[in-house]
Amino acid sequence: MKLASGYKAFCDAAEKNYPDQTKPGGNLDWAIALSSVVNAESSDRFAKPSARGWESSFHAKLFPSYSTKVGALAMTYKGLINVKTPFDLALYTRLIWELQPGTILELGSLQGGSGLWFADQMSALCENPGEVHSFDLNIKCIHESANHPLLRFHQVDLSDIATFDENLLARLPHPWIVIDDAHVQIFSIFSYLGRFLVSGDYYVFEDDPLRADKEINDGLQMVEQSGFLVDTYYTDAFGTNLTCAPNAWLRKS
């Protein structure tokens, strides 16, 4: 995948020109080690949800003090609400660069700030930018400044999958990144959208997995049975499950 290409190029140059420094203990051996971590084919990068516990190095949204919690959850982008932690913003930037998605599907639009952020990221990071499609029932809350040529908002009642436009979903180019930040019947929607997903697509459940209750465990078991694996490069990038989507950065195998 694209994310590893920069590491590979560096390692190839280092091994060719500075072989002594790339050996264990050399000044550049750390770069060689990193190149294997980002390798998408690494045998330990992808894991079954059932094989992982819920241990977290630090809770991504329950910060030590009220002031820092508010600071993280009151994130804005171009003046619009964008309720994403700094960790997850960095992770999405990585994934967009690595995957080069044809489509980003966002479930839950709020004010449109996150959709606008995703569209700007695609514009900056993708060689052939796709589109962001954001779905919400309350589209009159979307701010007029959440406007971008790659961004489309759709009025959909997420509690009623019949309100999705199947013709739209069927023609959207892959790979997809689906981001569920709506918290409405998340596994029912997953089952519905799963009919359109192909190998290599990503599905991210935000916030709900933080509960880690029976519903979440049963749901992730169903996700696993549907052929999805946890991409630990994203769940554990800053520490074990230090994300608002623990065990829920999922790639279809």
C-alpha atoms as a PDB file:
ATOM      1  CA  MET A   1       0.000   0.000   0.000  1.00  0.00           C
ATOM      2  CA  LYS A   2       1.024   3.558  -0.623  1.00  0.00           C
ATOM      3  CA  LEU A   3       2.000   4.409   2.946  1.00  0.00           C
ATOM      4  CA  ALA A   4       4.992   2.053   2.879  1.00  0.00           C
ATOM      5  CA  SER A   5       6.465   3.443  -0.336  1.00  0.00           C
ATOM      6  CA  GLY A   6       8.357   6.301   1.323  1.00  0.00           C
ATOM      7  CA  TYR A   7       9.894   3.989   3.914  1.00  0.00           C
ATOM      8  CA  LYS A   8      10.899   1.485   1.245  1.00  0.00           C
ATOM      9  CA  ALA A   9      12.577   4.170  -0.853  1.00  0.00           C
ATOM     10  CA  PHE A  10      14.498   5.449   2.174  1.00  0.00           C
ATOM     11  CA  CYS A  11      15.556   1.957   3.245  1.00  0.00           C
ATOM     12  CA  ASP A  12      16.684   1.026  -0.255  1.00  0.00           C
ATOM     13  CA  ALA A  13      18.835   4.157  -0.431  1.00  0.00           C
ATOM     14  CA  ALA A  14      20.214   3.664   3.086  1.00  0.00           C
ATOM     15  CA  GLU A  15      21.102   0.001   2.567  1.00  0.00           C
ATOM     16  CA  LYS A  16      22.784   0.778  -0.740  1.00  0.00           C
ATOM     17  CA  ASN A  17      24.795   3.777   0.422  1.00  0.00           C
ATOM     18  CA  TYR A  18      25.243   3.246   4.182  1.00  0.00           C
ATOM     19  CA  PRO A  19      25.098  -0.528   4.783  1.00  0.00           C
ATOM     20  CA  ASP A  20      26.985  -0.361   8.076  1.00  0.00           C
ATOM     21  CA  GLN A  21      24.500   2.127   9.540  1.00  0.00           C
ATOM     22  CA  THR A  22      21.484  -0.040   8.703  1.00  0.00           C
ATOM     23  CA  LYS A  23      22.767  -3.039  10.650  1.00  0.00           C
ATOM     24  CA  PRO A  24      21.455  -3.638  14.225  1.00  0.00           C
ATOM     25  CA  GLY A  25      22.876  -0.882  16.416  1.00  0.00           C
ATOM     26  CA  GLY A  26      23.565   1.390  13.481  1.00  0.00           C
ATOM     27  CA  ASN A  27      22.301   4.954  13.282  1.00  0.00           C
ATOM     28  CA  LEU A  28      19.661   4.022  10.708  1.00  0.00           C
ATOM     29  CA  ASP A  29      18.475   0.619  11.979  1.00  0.00           C
ATOM     30  CA  TRP A  30      15.306   2.200  13.440  1.00  0.00           C
ATOM     31  CA  ALA A  31      14.172   3.223   9.942  1.00  0.00           C
ATOM     32  CA  ILE A  32      14.567  -0.340   8.708  1.00  0.00           C
ATOM     33  CA  ALA A  33      12.407  -1.556  11.599  1.00  0.00           C
ATOM     34  CA  LEU A  34       9.714   1.030  10.861  1.00  0.00           C
ATOM     35  CA  SER A  35       9.488  -0.026   7.233  1.00  0.00           C
ATOM     36  CA  SER A  36       8.265  -3.472   8.305  1.00  0.00           C
ATOM     37  CA  VAL A  37       5.653  -1.985  10.638  1.00  0.00           C
ATOM     38  CA  VAL A  38       3.880  -0.045   7.897  1.00  0.00           C
ATOM     39  CA  ASN A  39       3.999  -2.940   5.442  1.00  0.00           C
ATOM     40  CA  ALA A  40       0.374  -3.785   4.646  1.00  0.00           C
ATOM     41  CA  GLU A  41       1.296  -7.411   4.100  1.00  0.00           C
ATOM     42  CA  SER A  42       2.939  -7.719   7.509  1.00  0.00           C
ATOM     43  CA  SER A  43       1.595 -10.857   9.161  1.00  0.00           C
ATOM     44  CA  ASP A  44       0.922  -9.145  12.487  1.00  0.00           C
ATOM     45  CA  ARG A  45      -0.557  -5.880  11.237  1.00  0.00           C
ATOM     46  CA  PHE A  46      -4.076  -7.256  10.748  1.00  0.00           C
ATOM     47  CA  ALA A  47      -5.899  -9.097  13.525  1.00  0.00           C
ATOM     48  CA  LYS A  48      -9.276 -10.653  14.172  1.00  0.00           C
ATOM     49  CA  PRO A  49     -11.457  -8.583  16.537  1.00  0.00           C
ATOM     50  CA  SER A  50     -11.940 -11.708  18.677  1.00  0.00           C
ATOM     51  CA  ALA A  51      -8.166 -11.980  19.168  1.00  0.00           C
ATOM     52  CA  ARG A  52      -7.864  -8.540  20.782  1.00  0.00           C
ATOM     53  CA  GLY A  53      -8.768  -7.331  24.239  1.00  0.00           C
ATOM     54  CA  TRP A  54      -9.951  -3.863  25.169  1.00  0.00           C
ATOM     55  CA  GLU A  55      -6.845  -2.659  26.952  1.00  0.00           C
ATOM     56  CA  SER A  56      -6.065   0.956  26.120  1.00  0.00           C
ATOM     57  CA  SER A  57      -2.933   2.951  26.779  1.00  0.00           C
ATOM     58  CA  PHE A  58      -5.119   6.009  27.279  1.00  0.00           C
ATOM     59  CA  HIS A  59      -8.760   6.781  26.645  1.00  0.00           C
ATOM     60  CA  ALA A  60      -8.932   8.972  23.548  1.00  0.00           C
ATOM     61  CA  LYS A  61     -11.919  11.002  24.722  1.00  0.00           C
ATOM     62  CA  LEU A  62     -11.885  10.796  28.521  1.00  0.00           C
ATOM     63  CA  PHE A  63      -8.965  13.096  29.224  1.00  0.00           C
ATOM     64  CA  PRO A  64      -7.485  13.680  32.706  1.00  0.00           C
ATOM     65  CA  SER A  65      -9.138  17.039  33.254  1.00  0.00           C
ATOM     66  CA  TYR A  66     -12.320  18.769  32.164  1.00  0.00           C
ATOM     67  CA  SER A  67     -10.440  21.521  30.374  1.00  0.00           C
ATOM     68  CA  THR A  68      -8.462  19.166  28.146  1.00  0.00           C
ATOM     69  CA  LYS A  69     -11.538  17.027  27.469  1.00  0.00           C
ATOM     70  CA  VAL A  70     -13.428  20.079  26.275  1.00  0.00           C
ATOM     71  CA  GLY A  71     -10.431  21.118  24.202  1.00  0.00           C
ATOM     72  CA  ALA A  72     -10.391  17.786  22.372  1.00  0.00           C
ATOM     73  CA  LEU A  73     -14.129  17.465  21.852  1.00  0.00           C
ATOM     74  CA  ALA A  74     -14.591  21.098  20.866  1.00  0.00           C
ATOM     75  CA  MET A  75     -12.301  20.764  17.866  1.00  0.00           C
ATOM     76  CA  THR A  76     -13.332  22.877  14.912  1.00  0.00           C
ATOM     77  CA  TYR A  77     -12.262  23.078  11.293  1.00  0.00           C
ATOM     78  CA  LYS A  78     -12.582  26.348   9.405  1.00  0.00           C
ATOM     79  CA  GLY A  79     -14.901  27.458  12.169  1.00  0.00           C
ATOM     80  CA  LEU A  80     -17.193  24.436  11.945  1.00  0.00           C
ATOM     81  CA  ILE A  81     -17.697  21.695  14.528  1.00  0.00           C
ATOM     82  CA  ASN A  82     -15.420  18.710  13.850  1.00  0.00           C
ATOM     83  CA  VAL A  83     -15.672  16.354  16.800  1.00  0.00           C
ATOM     84  CA  LYS A  84     -12.529  14.339  16.169  1.00  0.00           C
ATOM     85  CA  THR A  85      -9.614  13.845  18.530  1.00  0.00           C
ATOM     86  CA  PRO A  86      -6.141  14.980  17.435  1.00  0.00           C
ATOM     87  CA  PHE A  87      -5.132  11.307  17.371  1.00  0.00           C
ATOM     88  CA  ASP A  88      -7.904  10.354  14.985  1.00  0.00           C
ATOM     89  CA  LEU A  89      -7.370  13.341  12.717  1.00  0.00           C
ATOM     90  CA  ALA A  90      -3.779  12.188  12.266  1.00  0.00           C
ATOM     91  CA  LEU A  91      -4.922   8.605  11.666  1.00  0.00           C
ATOM     92  CA  TYR A  92      -7.457   9.574   9.007  1.00  0.00           C
ATOM     93  CA  THR A  93      -4.791  11.622   7.235  1.00  0.00           C
ATOM     94  CA  ARG A  94      -2.554   8.542   7.131  1.00  0.00           C
ATOM     95  CA  LEU A  95      -5.336   6.291   5.896  1.00  0.00           C
ATOM     96  CA  ILE A  96      -6.432   8.662   3.133  1.00  0.00           C
ATOM     97  CA  TRP A  97      -2.850   8.889   1.906  1.00  0.00           C
ATOM     98  CA  GLU A  98      -2.288   5.138   2.164  1.00  0.00           C
ATOM     99  CA  LEU A  99      -5.568   3.957   0.657  1.00  0.00           C
ATOM    100  CA  GLN A 100      -6.170   6.711  -1.922  1.00  0.00           C
ATOM    101  CA  PRO A 101      -9.931   6.187  -1.519  1.00  0.00           C
ATOM    102  CA  GLY A 102     -12.341   6.579  -4.375  1.00  0.00           C
ATOM    103  CA  THR A 103     -15.138   7.365  -1.914  1.00  0.00           C
ATOM    104  CA  ILE A 104     -15.501   8.369   1.722  1.00  0.00           C
ATOM    105  CA  LEU A 105     -18.914   7.680   3.251  1.00  0.00           C
ATOM    106  CA  GLU A 106     -19.613   9.600   6.439  1.00  0.00           C
ATOM    107  CA  LEU A 107     -22.571   8.556   8.596  1.00  0.00           C
ATOM    108  CA  GLY A 108     -23.538  11.595  10.672  1.00  0.00           C
ATOM    109  CA  SER A 109     -22.944  15.072   9.253  1.00  0.00           C
ATOM    110  CA  LEU A 110     -23.597  17.342  12.270  1.00  0.00           C
ATOM    111  CA  GLN A 111     -22.598  20.818  11.025  1.00  0.00           C
ATOM    112  CA  GLY A 112     -20.596  19.581   8.046  1.00  0.00           C
ATOM    113  CA  GLY A 113     -17.167  20.368   9.527  1.00  0.00           C
ATOM    114  CA  SER A 114     -15.843  16.815   9.411  1.00  0.00           C
ATOM    115  CA  GLY A 115     -17.152  16.258   5.885  1.00  0.00           C
ATOM    116  CA  LEU A 116     -15.400  19.441   4.776  1.00  0.00           C
ATOM    117  CA  TRP A 117     -12.195  18.298   6.484  1.00  0.00           C
ATOM    118  CA  PHE A 118     -12.347  14.914   4.722  1.00  0.00           C
ATOM    119  CA  ALA A 119     -12.913  16.617   1.363  1.00  0.00           C
ATOM    120  CA  ASP A 120      -9.948  18.935   1.875  1.00  0.00           C
ATOM    121  CA  GLN A 121      -7.775  15.989   2.903  1.00  0.00           C
ATOM    122  CA  MET A 122      -8.714  14.085  -0.236  1.00  0.00           C
ATOM    123  CA  SER A 123      -7.925  17.132  -2.363  1.00  0.00           C
ATOM    124  CA  ALA A 124      -4.496  17.466  -0.788  1.00  0.00           C
ATOM    125  CA  LEU A 125      -3.495  13.810  -0.495  1.00  0.00           C
ATOM    126  CA  CYS A 126      -5.060  11.872  -3.356  1.00  0.00           C
ATOM    127  CA  GLU A 127      -3.607  11.699  -6.834  1.00  0.00           C
ATOM    128  CA  ASN A 128      -7.116  11.171  -8.228  1.00  0.00           C
ATOM    129  CA  PRO A 129      -9.443  12.579  -5.553  1.00  0.00           C
ATOM    130  CA  GLY A 130     -12.789  10.890  -5.150  1.00  0.00           C
ATOM    131  CA  GLU A 131     -15.824  12.250  -3.353  1.00  0.00           C
ATOM    132  CA  VAL A 132     -17.098  12.497   0.206  1.00  0.00           C
ATOM    133  CA  HIS A 133     -20.746  11.556   0.723  1.00  0.00           C
ATOM    134  CA  SER A 134     -22.158  12.500   4.125  1.00  0.00           C
ATOM    135  CA  PHE A 135     -25.505  11.185   5.376  1.00  0.00           C
ATOM    136  CA  ASP A 136     -27.728  12.651   8.080  1.00  0.00           C
ATOM    137  CA  LEU A 137     -31.385  13.236   8.872  1.00  0.00           C
ATOM    138  CA  ASN A 138     -30.964  16.808  10.126  1.00  0.00           C
ATOM    139  CA  ILE A 139     -29.365  18.374   7.068  1.00  0.00           C
ATOM    140  CA  LYS A 140     -30.726  21.837   7.887  1.00  0.00           C
ATOM    141  CA  CYS A 141     -28.041  21.969  10.601  1.00  0.00           C
ATOM    142  CA  ILE A 142     -25.302  21.812   7.950  1.00  0.00           C
ATOM    143  CA  HIS A 143     -23.607  25.192   7.664  1.00  0.00           C
ATOM    144  CA  GLU A 144     -23.557  26.971   4.334  1.00  0.00           C
ATOM    145  CA  SER A 145     -19.774  27.210   4.480  1.00  0.00           C
ATOM    146  CA  ALA A 146     -19.464  23.398   4.489  1.00  0.00           C
ATOM    147  CA  ASN A 147     -19.090  23.629   0.755  1.00  0.00           C
ATOM    148  CA  HIS A 148     -16.566  21.783  -1.403  1.00  0.00           C
ATOM    149  CA  PRO A 149     -16.624  20.423  -4.982  1.00  0.00           C
ATOM    150  CA  LEU A 150     -15.874  16.918  -3.670  1.00  0.00           C
ATOM    151  CA  LEU A 151     -18.485  16.986  -0.875  1.00  0.00           C
ATOM    152  CA  ARG A 152     -22.126  15.890  -1.100  1.00  0.00           C
ATOM    153  CA  PHE A 153     -24.692  15.817   1.702  1.00  0.00           C
ATOM    154  CA  HIS A 154     -27.660  13.452   1.618  1.00  0.00           C
ATOM    155  CA  GLN A 155     -30.755  13.436   3.812  1.00  0.00           C
ATOM    156  CA  VAL A 156     -31.091   9.890   5.106  1.00  0.00           C
ATOM    157  CA  ASP A 157     -32.859   8.519   8.167  1.00  0.00           C
ATOM    158  CA  LEU A 158     -30.141   6.203   9.462  1.00  0.00           C
ATOM    159  CA  SER A 159     -32.718   4.292  11.485  1.00  0.00           C
ATOM    160  CA  ASP A 160     -34.366   3.297   8.196  1.00  0.00           C
ATOM    161  CA  ILE A 161     -31.955   1.806   5.662  1.00  0.00           C
ATOM    162  CA  ALA A 162     -34.652   2.021   2.982  1.00  0.00           C
ATOM    163  CA  THR A 163     -33.926   5.759   2.763  1.00  0.00           C
ATOM    164  CA  PHE A 164     -30.463   5.106   1.283  1.00  0.00           C
ATOM    165  CA  ASP A 165     -30.151   5.483  -2.471  1.00  0.00           C
ATOM    166  CA  GLU A 166     -28.954   2.046  -3.603  1.00  0.00           C
ATOM    167  CA  ASN A 167     -28.259   3.293  -7.116  1.00  0.00           C
ATOM    168  CA  LEU A 168     -25.866   5.886  -5.687  1.00  0.00           C
ATOM    169  CA  LEU A 169     -24.064   3.330  -3.519  1.00  0.00           C
ATOM    170  CA  ALA A 170     -23.735   0.873  -6.390  1.00  0.00           C
ATOM    171  CA  ARG A 171     -21.927   3.343  -8.627  1.00  0.00           C
ATOM    172  CA  LEU A 172     -19.544   4.943  -6.123  1.00  0.00           C
ATOM    173  CA  PRO A 173     -15.908   4.032  -6.904  1.00  0.00           C
ATOM    174  CA  HIS A 174     -13.771   1.953  -4.570  1.00  0.00           C
ATOM    175  CA  PRO A 175     -11.822   1.733  -2.370  1.00  0.00           C
ATOM    176  CA  TRP A 176     -14.187   3.085   0.264  1.00  0.00           C
ATOM    177  CA  ILE A 177     -13.673   4.434   3.743  1.00  0.00           C
ATOM    178  CA  VAL A 178     -16.919   4.259   5.716  1.00  0.00           C
ATOM    179  CA  ILE A 179     -16.953   6.288   8.938  1.00  0.00           C
ATOM    180  CA  ASP A 180     -19.873   5.677  11.304  1.00  0.00           C
ATOM    181  CA  ASP A 181     -20.091   8.634  13.671  1.00  0.00           C
ATOM    182  CA  ALA A 182     -23.894   8.663  13.883  1.00  0.00           C
ATOM    183  CA  HIS A 183     -24.373   6.000  16.586  1.00  0.00           C
ATOM    184  CA  VAL A 184     -27.686   4.811  15.108  1.00  0.00           C
ATOM    185  CA  GLN A 185     -28.177   1.031  14.672  1.00  0.00           C
ATOM    186  CA  ILE A 186     -24.528   0.769  13.765  1.00  0.00           C
ATOM    187  CA  PHE A 187     -24.401  -2.949  13.035  1.00  0.00           C
ATOM    188  CA  SER A 188     -27.658  -2.954  11.069  1.00  0.00           C
ATOM    189  CA  ILE A 189     -26.231  -0.230   8.845  1.00  0.00           C
ATOM    190  CA  PHE A 190     -22.962  -2.156   8.603  1.00  0.00           C
ATOM    191  CA  SER A 191     -24.840  -5.249   7.418  1.00  0.00           C
ATOM    192  CA  TYR A 192     -26.649  -3.173   4.814  1.00  0.00           C
ATOM    193  CA  LEU A 193     -23.578  -1.344   3.505  1.00  0.00           C
ATOM    194  CA  GLY A 194     -21.575  -4.556   3.634  1.00  0.00           C
ATOM    195  CA  ARG A 195     -23.314  -5.692   0.456  1.00  0.00           C
ATOM    196  CA  PHE A 196     -21.520  -2.909  -1.405  1.00  0.00           C
ATOM    197  CA  LEU A 197     -18.072  -3.254   0.164  1.00  0.00           C
ATOM    198  CA  VAL A 198     -15.190  -4.998  -1.586  1.00  0.00           C
ATOM    199  CA  SER A 199     -11.788  -6.305  -0.552  1.00  0.00           C
ATOM    200  CA  GLY A 200      -9.528  -3.511   0.683  1.00  0.00           C
ATOM    201  CA  ASP A 201     -12.350  -1.202   1.809  1.00  0.00           C
ATOM    202  CA  TYR A 202     -12.250   0.233   5.337  1.00  0.00           C
ATOM    203  CA  TYR A 203     -15.026   0.620   7.909  1.00  0.00           C
ATOM    204  CA  VAL A 204     -14.481   2.677  11.073  1.00  0.00           C
ATOM    205  CA  PHE A 205     -16.889   2.660  14.027  1.00  0.00           C
ATOM    206  CA  GLU A 206     -16.314   5.777  16.083  1.00  0.00           C
ATOM    207  CA  ASP A 207     -17.142   6.084  19.793  1.00  0.00           C
ATOM    208  CA  ASP A 208     -19.577   3.165  20.209  1.00  0.00           C
ATOM    209  CA  PRO A 209     -16.806   0.566  20.695  1.00  0.00           C
ATOM    210  CA  LEU A 210     -15.649   2.581  23.715  1.00  0.00           C
ATOM    211  CA  ARG A 211     -18.556   0.947  25.575  1.00  0.00           C
ATOM    212  CA  ALA A 212     -17.169  -2.556  24.909  1.00  0.00           C
ATOM    213  CA  ASP A 213     -20.398  -4.159  26.148  1.00  0.00           C
ATOM    214  CA  LYS A 214     -22.135  -7.329  24.937  1.00  0.00           C
ATOM    215  CA  GLU A 215     -23.754  -5.529  21.996  1.00  0.00           C
ATOM    216  CA  ILE A 216     -20.369  -4.292  20.790  1.00  0.00           C
ATOM    217  CA  ASN A 217     -18.662  -7.652  21.285  1.00  0.00           C
ATOM    218  CA  ASP A 218     -21.448  -9.508  19.475  1.00  0.00           C
ATOM    219  CA  GLY A 219     -21.437  -6.903  16.710  1.00  0.00           C
ATOM    220  CA  LEU A 220     -17.702  -7.133  16.159  1.00  0.00           C
ATOM    221  CA  GLN A 221     -17.989 -10.920  16.052  1.00  0.00           C
ATOM    222  CA  MET A 222     -20.459 -10.465  13.206  1.00  0.00           C
ATOM    223  CA  VAL A 223     -18.056  -8.012  11.551  1.00  0.00           C
ATOM    224  CA  GLU A 224     -15.282 -10.600  11.813  1.00  0.00           C
ATOM    225  CA  GLN A 225     -17.507 -13.262  10.268  1.00  0.00           C
ATOM    226  CA  SER A 226     -18.101 -10.847   7.397  1.00  0.00           C
ATOM    227  CA  GLY A 227     -14.400 -10.946   6.568  1.00  0.00           C
ATOM    228  CA  PHE A 228     -13.087  -7.811   8.296  1.00  0.00           C
ATOM    229  CA  LEU A 229      -9.829  -7.591  10.234  1.00  0.00           C
ATOM    230  CA  VAL A 230      -8.607  -4.950  12.671  1.00  0.00           C
ATOM    231  CA  ASP A 231      -5.799  -2.860  11.196  1.00  0.00           C
ATOM    232  CA  THR A 232      -3.601  -2.519  14.258  1.00  0.00           C
ATOM    233  CA  TYR A 233      -1.425   0.049  12.491  1.00  0.00           C
ATOM    234  CA  TYR A 234      -4.285   2.469  13.114  1.00  0.00           C
ATOM    235  CA  THR A 235      -5.776   1.216  16.379  1.00  0.00           C
ATOM    236  CA  ASP A 236      -2.375   1.098  18.071  1.00  0.00           C
ATOM    237  CA  ALA A 237      -0.436   3.845  16.289  1.00  0.00           C
ATOM    238  CA  PHE A 238      -0.139   6.019  19.417  1.00  0.00           C
ATOM    239  CA  GLY A 239      -0.575   3.252  21.988  1.00  0.00           C
ATOM    240  CA  THR A 240      -2.912   0.295  22.338  1.00  0.00           C
ATOM    241  CA  ASN A 241      -6.371   1.386  21.181  1.00  0.00           C
ATOM    242  CA  LEU A 242      -5.555   5.064  21.649  1.00  0.00           C
ATOM    243  CA  THR A 243      -8.332   6.126  19.308  1.00  0.00           C
ATOM    244  CA  CYS A 244     -12.039   6.871  19.511  1.00  0.00           C
ATOM    245  CA  ALA A 245     -12.530   3.664  17.472  1.00  0.00           C
ATOM    246  CA  PRO A 246     -10.804   0.928  19.561  1.00  0.00           C
ATOM    247  CA  ASN A 247     -10.635  -2.388  17.703  1.00  0.00           C
ATOM    248  CA  ALA A 248     -12.695  -0.720  14.987  1.00  0.00           C
ATOM    249  CA  TRP A 249     -10.377   0.410  12.189  1.00  0.00           C
ATOM    250  CA  LEU A 250     -11.457  -2.510  10.022  1.00  0.00           C
ATOM    251  CA  ARG A 251     -10.359  -3.634   6.568  1.00  0.00           C
ATOM    252  CA  LYS A 252     -12.298  -6.084   4.423  1.00  0.00           C
ATOM    253  CA  SER A 253     -10.047  -8.982   3.485  1.00  0.00           C
END
